Amino acid sequence: MISKFVLAMLLSVTVASISQVLLKKSALKKYDRVVKEYLNFYVIGGYMLLFASMLLTVYAYSGMDYKYGPVIESLGNVFVLILSFLIFGEKIHRKKLIGVVCIMAGILIFNL
C-alpha cells in the first residue's frame, strides 16, 4: 500500500513539473517591458507552484525514508518530457526516449 507521504511526494513532483512548464511558457513569450517578463501570470504562478512543491516535499520527507525521495523526484524528468510533448508539441527524440527508459529502469531496479 502506498503511504500518504509517498503520494505527497508524487504530487510534489507533478506540481514542480507543471511549474517548469509555466516558466518555460513565459520564457517563450516576448514582452514589451522588462517588468512584464518577471511579473506575469506564468512566472508568478510557476514560482507559487514551486513553493507549494517545496512544502509538499518537506511534508513527504517527514514521514518516509529519505532513500525514496530521489527515486520519486527522478519521475519529474519523465513528467516534464510528457508535458512538453503535450503542451509545446516538442518532439520526443530517440535520446530522450532512451533517457526516460533508463530512468524508469533505475526506478524499477531500485524497488526490487
N, C-alpha and C. Protein backbone atom coordinates (compact mmCIF):
# COMPACT_ATOMS: atom_id res chain seq x y z
N MET A 1 0.84 -1.19 0.00
CA MET A 1 0.00 0.00 0.00
C MET A 1 0.88 1.24 0.00
N ILE A 2 0.52 2.22 -0.80
CA ILE A 2 1.29 3.46 -0.90
C ILE A 2 0.87 4.39 0.23
N SER A 3 1.86 4.92 0.94
CA SER A 3 1.55 5.80 2.06
C SER A 3 1.19 7.19 1.58
N LYS A 4 0.59 7.96 2.47
CA LYS A 4 0.21 9.33 2.12
C LYS A 4 1.45 10.19 1.88
N PHE A 5 2.57 9.81 2.44
CA PHE A 5 3.80 10.58 2.26
C PHE A 5 4.38 10.36 0.85
N VAL A 6 4.29 9.14 0.38
CA VAL A 6 4.73 8.85 -0.99
C VAL A 6 3.81 9.56 -1.99
N LEU A 7 2.52 9.56 -1.71
CA LEU A 7 1.58 10.27 -2.58
C LEU A 7 1.86 11.77 -2.57
N ALA A 8 2.21 12.30 -1.39
CA ALA A 8 2.56 13.72 -1.30
C ALA A 8 3.80 14.02 -2.14
N MET A 9 4.78 13.10 -2.13
CA MET A 9 5.99 13.30 -2.93
C MET A 9 5.66 13.23 -4.42
N LEU A 10 4.81 12.31 -4.82
CA LEU A 10 4.38 12.23 -6.22
C LEU A 10 3.64 13.49 -6.65
N LEU A 11 2.79 14.00 -5.77
CA LEU A 11 2.09 15.25 -6.06
C LEU A 11 3.08 16.40 -6.16
N SER A 12 4.07 16.41 -5.29
CA SER A 12 5.10 17.44 -5.32
C SER A 12 5.85 17.45 -6.66
N VAL A 13 6.20 16.27 -7.13
CA VAL A 13 6.91 16.16 -8.40
C VAL A 13 6.01 16.63 -9.55
N THR A 14 4.75 16.28 -9.51
CA THR A 14 3.81 16.70 -10.54
C THR A 14 3.65 18.22 -10.55
N VAL A 15 3.50 18.80 -9.37
CA VAL A 15 3.35 20.25 -9.25
C VAL A 15 4.62 20.96 -9.73
N ALA A 16 5.78 20.44 -9.37
CA ALA A 16 7.04 21.04 -9.83
C ALA A 16 7.18 20.95 -11.34
N SER A 17 6.72 19.87 -11.93
CA SER A 17 6.77 19.73 -13.38
C SER A 17 5.87 20.74 -14.07
N ILE A 18 4.69 20.93 -13.53
CA ILE A 18 3.77 21.93 -14.08
C ILE A 18 4.38 23.32 -13.94
N SER A 19 5.04 23.56 -12.82
CA SER A 19 5.73 24.83 -12.60
C SER A 19 6.78 25.09 -13.67
N GLN A 20 7.56 24.07 -13.98
CA GLN A 20 8.59 24.22 -15.01
C GLN A 20 7.98 24.55 -16.37
N VAL A 21 6.85 23.94 -16.67
CA VAL A 21 6.19 24.20 -17.95
C VAL A 21 5.68 25.65 -17.99
N LEU A 22 5.11 26.12 -16.89
CA LEU A 22 4.64 27.51 -16.84
C LEU A 22 5.80 28.48 -17.04
N LEU A 23 6.92 28.22 -16.39
CA LEU A 23 8.07 29.11 -16.53
C LEU A 23 8.62 29.08 -17.96
N LYS A 24 8.60 27.92 -18.58
CA LYS A 24 9.06 27.84 -19.96
C LYS A 24 8.10 28.59 -20.89
N LYS A 25 6.82 28.45 -20.62
CA LYS A 25 5.81 29.15 -21.43
C LYS A 25 6.04 30.66 -21.35
N SER A 26 6.38 31.16 -20.18
CA SER A 26 6.68 32.58 -20.02
C SER A 26 7.96 32.97 -20.76
N ALA A 27 8.96 32.11 -20.71
CA ALA A 27 10.24 32.41 -21.35
C ALA A 27 10.11 32.45 -22.87
N LEU A 28 9.14 31.75 -23.42
CA LEU A 28 8.97 31.72 -24.88
C LEU A 28 8.22 32.93 -25.42
N LYS A 29 7.58 33.68 -24.52
CA LYS A 29 6.83 34.86 -24.95
C LYS A 29 7.73 36.08 -25.01
N LYS A 30 7.40 37.01 -25.89
CA LYS A 30 8.09 38.30 -25.99
C LYS A 30 7.28 39.34 -25.22
N TYR A 31 7.98 40.14 -24.45
CA TYR A 31 7.32 41.18 -23.65
C TYR A 31 7.85 42.54 -24.06
N ASP A 32 6.98 43.54 -23.98
CA ASP A 32 7.40 44.89 -24.37
C ASP A 32 8.16 45.62 -23.27
N ARG A 33 8.03 45.16 -22.04
CA ARG A 33 8.78 45.76 -20.93
C ARG A 33 9.43 44.67 -20.09
N VAL A 34 10.57 45.00 -19.52
CA VAL A 34 11.32 44.03 -18.71
C VAL A 34 10.52 43.59 -17.49
N VAL A 35 9.78 44.52 -16.91
CA VAL A 35 8.99 44.20 -15.72
C VAL A 35 7.98 43.09 -16.02
N LYS A 36 7.39 43.13 -17.20
CA LYS A 36 6.40 42.11 -17.57
C LYS A 36 7.03 40.73 -17.74
N GLU A 37 8.32 40.69 -18.00
CA GLU A 37 8.99 39.39 -18.12
C GLU A 37 8.98 38.64 -16.79
N TYR A 38 9.02 39.40 -15.70
CA TYR A 38 9.12 38.79 -14.38
C TYR A 38 7.83 38.87 -13.57
N LEU A 39 6.95 39.77 -13.94
CA LEU A 39 5.69 39.92 -13.21
C LEU A 39 4.53 39.65 -14.16
N ASN A 40 4.32 38.38 -14.44
CA ASN A 40 3.18 37.96 -15.25
C ASN A 40 2.62 36.68 -14.65
N PHE A 41 1.48 36.27 -15.16
CA PHE A 41 0.78 35.11 -14.61
C PHE A 41 1.65 33.85 -14.59
N TYR A 42 2.35 33.61 -15.70
CA TYR A 42 3.12 32.37 -15.80
C TYR A 42 4.27 32.33 -14.79
N VAL A 43 4.98 33.42 -14.65
CA VAL A 43 6.13 33.45 -13.73
C VAL A 43 5.65 33.38 -12.29
N ILE A 44 4.69 34.22 -11.94
CA ILE A 44 4.20 34.23 -10.56
C ILE A 44 3.55 32.89 -10.22
N GLY A 45 2.72 32.38 -11.13
CA GLY A 45 2.10 31.08 -10.90
C GLY A 45 3.12 29.96 -10.82
N GLY A 46 4.13 30.01 -11.68
CA GLY A 46 5.19 29.00 -11.67
C GLY A 46 5.94 28.97 -10.35
N TYR A 47 6.29 30.15 -9.85
CA TYR A 47 7.02 30.19 -8.58
C TYR A 47 6.13 29.85 -7.39
N MET A 48 4.85 30.18 -7.48
CA MET A 48 3.94 29.77 -6.41
C MET A 48 3.81 28.24 -6.37
N LEU A 49 3.71 27.63 -7.54
CA LEU A 49 3.65 26.18 -7.59
C LEU A 49 4.95 25.54 -7.11
N LEU A 50 6.06 26.17 -7.43
CA LEU A 50 7.35 25.67 -6.97
C LEU A 50 7.43 25.71 -5.45
N PHE A 51 6.91 26.78 -4.86
CA PHE A 51 6.87 26.89 -3.40
C PHE A 51 5.96 25.83 -2.80
N ALA A 52 4.80 25.61 -3.43
CA ALA A 52 3.88 24.57 -2.96
C ALA A 52 4.55 23.20 -3.06
N SER A 53 5.30 22.98 -4.12
CA SER A 53 6.02 21.72 -4.29
C SER A 53 7.04 21.52 -3.18
N MET A 54 7.71 22.60 -2.80
CA MET A 54 8.69 22.50 -1.71
C MET A 54 8.01 22.11 -0.40
N LEU A 55 6.86 22.73 -0.13
CA LEU A 55 6.14 22.40 1.11
C LEU A 55 5.68 20.94 1.09
N LEU A 56 5.20 20.48 -0.04
CA LEU A 56 4.79 19.08 -0.16
C LEU A 56 5.97 18.13 0.04
N THR A 57 7.13 18.51 -0.49
CA THR A 57 8.33 17.68 -0.34
C THR A 57 8.75 17.60 1.12
N VAL A 58 8.71 18.73 1.81
CA VAL A 58 9.07 18.74 3.24
C VAL A 58 8.11 17.85 4.01
N TYR A 59 6.82 17.96 3.70
CA TYR A 59 5.83 17.10 4.37
C TYR A 59 6.10 15.63 4.06
N ALA A 60 6.37 15.32 2.81
CA ALA A 60 6.60 13.93 2.41
C ALA A 60 7.81 13.35 3.13
N TYR A 61 8.88 14.13 3.21
CA TYR A 61 10.08 13.63 3.88
C TYR A 61 9.88 13.44 5.38
N SER A 62 8.86 14.09 5.94
CA SER A 62 8.63 13.95 7.38
C SER A 62 8.12 12.56 7.75
N GLY A 63 7.63 11.81 6.74
CA GLY A 63 7.07 10.51 7.08
C GLY A 63 7.54 9.35 6.24
N MET A 64 8.54 9.57 5.39
CA MET A 64 9.02 8.45 4.58
C MET A 64 10.54 8.38 4.65
N ASP A 65 11.07 7.24 4.25
CA ASP A 65 12.52 7.08 4.24
C ASP A 65 13.14 8.02 3.21
N TYR A 66 14.26 8.61 3.57
CA TYR A 66 14.93 9.57 2.68
C TYR A 66 15.40 8.91 1.39
N LYS A 67 15.65 7.62 1.42
CA LYS A 67 16.18 6.96 0.22
C LYS A 67 15.18 6.93 -0.93
N TYR A 68 13.89 7.09 -0.64
CA TYR A 68 12.88 7.06 -1.70
C TYR A 68 12.71 8.41 -2.40
N GLY A 69 13.10 9.48 -1.76
CA GLY A 69 12.91 10.81 -2.32
C GLY A 69 13.53 11.01 -3.69
N PRO A 70 14.84 10.79 -3.85
CA PRO A 70 15.45 11.00 -5.17
C PRO A 70 14.88 10.09 -6.26
N VAL A 71 14.45 8.91 -5.87
CA VAL A 71 13.87 7.99 -6.85
C VAL A 71 12.55 8.56 -7.38
N ILE A 72 11.73 9.06 -6.48
CA ILE A 72 10.46 9.64 -6.89
C ILE A 72 10.69 10.95 -7.64
N GLU A 73 11.65 11.74 -7.18
CA GLU A 73 11.96 13.02 -7.84
C GLU A 73 12.40 12.82 -9.28
N SER A 74 13.04 11.70 -9.57
CA SER A 74 13.50 11.46 -10.94
C SER A 74 12.34 11.33 -11.92
N LEU A 75 11.16 11.05 -11.42
CA LEU A 75 9.98 10.99 -12.28
C LEU A 75 9.65 12.36 -12.87
N GLY A 76 10.14 13.41 -12.24
CA GLY A 76 9.92 14.76 -12.76
C GLY A 76 10.43 14.91 -14.18
N ASN A 77 11.55 14.27 -14.48
CA ASN A 77 12.08 14.33 -15.85
C ASN A 77 11.12 13.71 -16.85
N VAL A 78 10.48 12.64 -16.45
CA VAL A 78 9.51 11.97 -17.32
C VAL A 78 8.27 12.86 -17.48
N PHE A 79 7.79 13.43 -16.38
CA PHE A 79 6.61 14.29 -16.43
C PHE A 79 6.84 15.51 -17.31
N VAL A 80 8.00 16.14 -17.17
CA VAL A 80 8.30 17.32 -17.98
C VAL A 80 8.37 16.96 -19.46
N LEU A 81 8.95 15.82 -19.76
CA LEU A 81 9.02 15.37 -21.15
C LEU A 81 7.62 15.19 -21.73
N ILE A 82 6.75 14.56 -20.98
CA ILE A 82 5.38 14.32 -21.44
C ILE A 82 4.61 15.64 -21.58
N LEU A 83 4.74 16.51 -20.58
CA LEU A 83 4.05 17.79 -20.64
C LEU A 83 4.57 18.65 -21.78
N SER A 84 5.86 18.62 -22.03
CA SER A 84 6.43 19.39 -23.14
C SER A 84 5.92 18.88 -24.47
N PHE A 85 5.74 17.58 -24.58
CA PHE A 85 5.19 17.00 -25.80
C PHE A 85 3.73 17.44 -25.99
N LEU A 86 2.95 17.37 -24.90
CA LEU A 86 1.53 17.69 -24.99
C LEU A 86 1.26 19.19 -25.16
N ILE A 87 2.02 20.03 -24.47
CA ILE A 87 1.73 21.47 -24.46
C ILE A 87 2.47 22.21 -25.56
N PHE A 88 3.75 21.91 -25.73
CA PHE A 88 4.56 22.65 -26.70
C PHE A 88 4.73 21.91 -28.02
N GLY A 89 4.30 20.68 -28.06
CA GLY A 89 4.46 19.89 -29.27
C GLY A 89 5.90 19.51 -29.54
N GLU A 90 6.71 19.47 -28.49
CA GLU A 90 8.12 19.09 -28.66
C GLU A 90 8.22 17.64 -29.09
N LYS A 91 9.16 17.39 -29.92
CA LYS A 91 9.39 16.02 -30.40
C LYS A 91 10.11 15.21 -29.32
N ILE A 92 9.75 13.96 -29.24
CA ILE A 92 10.45 13.05 -28.33
C ILE A 92 11.42 12.26 -29.19
N HIS A 93 12.66 12.70 -29.17
CA HIS A 93 13.69 12.07 -29.97
C HIS A 93 14.19 10.79 -29.30
N ARG A 94 14.95 10.06 -30.04
CA ARG A 94 15.46 8.77 -29.58
C ARG A 94 16.26 8.90 -28.28
N LYS A 95 17.13 9.91 -28.19
CA LYS A 95 17.95 10.09 -26.99
C LYS A 95 17.09 10.38 -25.77
N LYS A 96 16.05 11.19 -25.95
CA LYS A 96 15.15 11.49 -24.85
C LYS A 96 14.42 10.22 -24.40
N LEU A 97 13.98 9.44 -25.36
CA LEU A 97 13.27 8.21 -25.04
C LEU A 97 14.18 7.22 -24.31
N ILE A 98 15.43 7.13 -24.76
CA ILE A 98 16.40 6.26 -24.08
C ILE A 98 16.62 6.75 -22.65
N GLY A 99 16.69 8.07 -22.47
CA GLY A 99 16.85 8.63 -21.13
C GLY A 99 15.69 8.28 -20.22
N VAL A 100 14.48 8.38 -20.74
CA VAL A 100 13.29 8.03 -19.95
C VAL A 100 13.30 6.55 -19.61
N VAL A 101 13.67 5.72 -20.56
CA VAL A 101 13.74 4.28 -20.30
C VAL A 101 14.78 3.98 -19.21
N CYS A 102 15.90 4.67 -19.26
CA CYS A 102 16.93 4.49 -18.22
C CYS A 102 16.41 4.91 -16.84
N ILE A 103 15.70 6.04 -16.80
CA ILE A 103 15.13 6.50 -15.53
C ILE A 103 14.14 5.47 -14.99
N MET A 104 13.25 5.01 -15.84
CA MET A 104 12.25 4.03 -15.41
C MET A 104 12.90 2.71 -14.99
N ALA A 105 13.94 2.30 -15.72
CA ALA A 105 14.66 1.07 -15.35
C ALA A 105 15.34 1.24 -14.00
N GLY A 106 15.90 2.41 -13.77
CA GLY A 106 16.54 2.68 -12.48
C GLY A 106 15.54 2.62 -11.34
N ILE A 107 14.35 3.18 -11.55
CA ILE A 107 13.31 3.13 -10.53
C ILE A 107 12.89 1.69 -10.28
N LEU A 108 12.74 0.93 -11.35
CA LEU A 108 12.32 -0.46 -11.22
C LEU A 108 13.39 -1.27 -10.47
N ILE A 109 14.65 -1.10 -10.85
CA ILE A 109 15.74 -1.84 -10.19
C ILE A 109 15.84 -1.45 -8.72
N PHE A 110 15.67 -0.16 -8.41
CA PHE A 110 15.75 0.30 -7.03
C PHE A 110 14.69 -0.37 -6.17
N ASN A 111 13.53 -0.59 -6.74
CA ASN A 111 12.42 -1.14 -5.97
C ASN A 111 12.38 -2.66 -5.92
N LEU A 112 13.34 -3.32 -6.53
CA LEU A 112 13.36 -4.80 -6.46
C LEU A 112 13.84 -5.29 -5.13
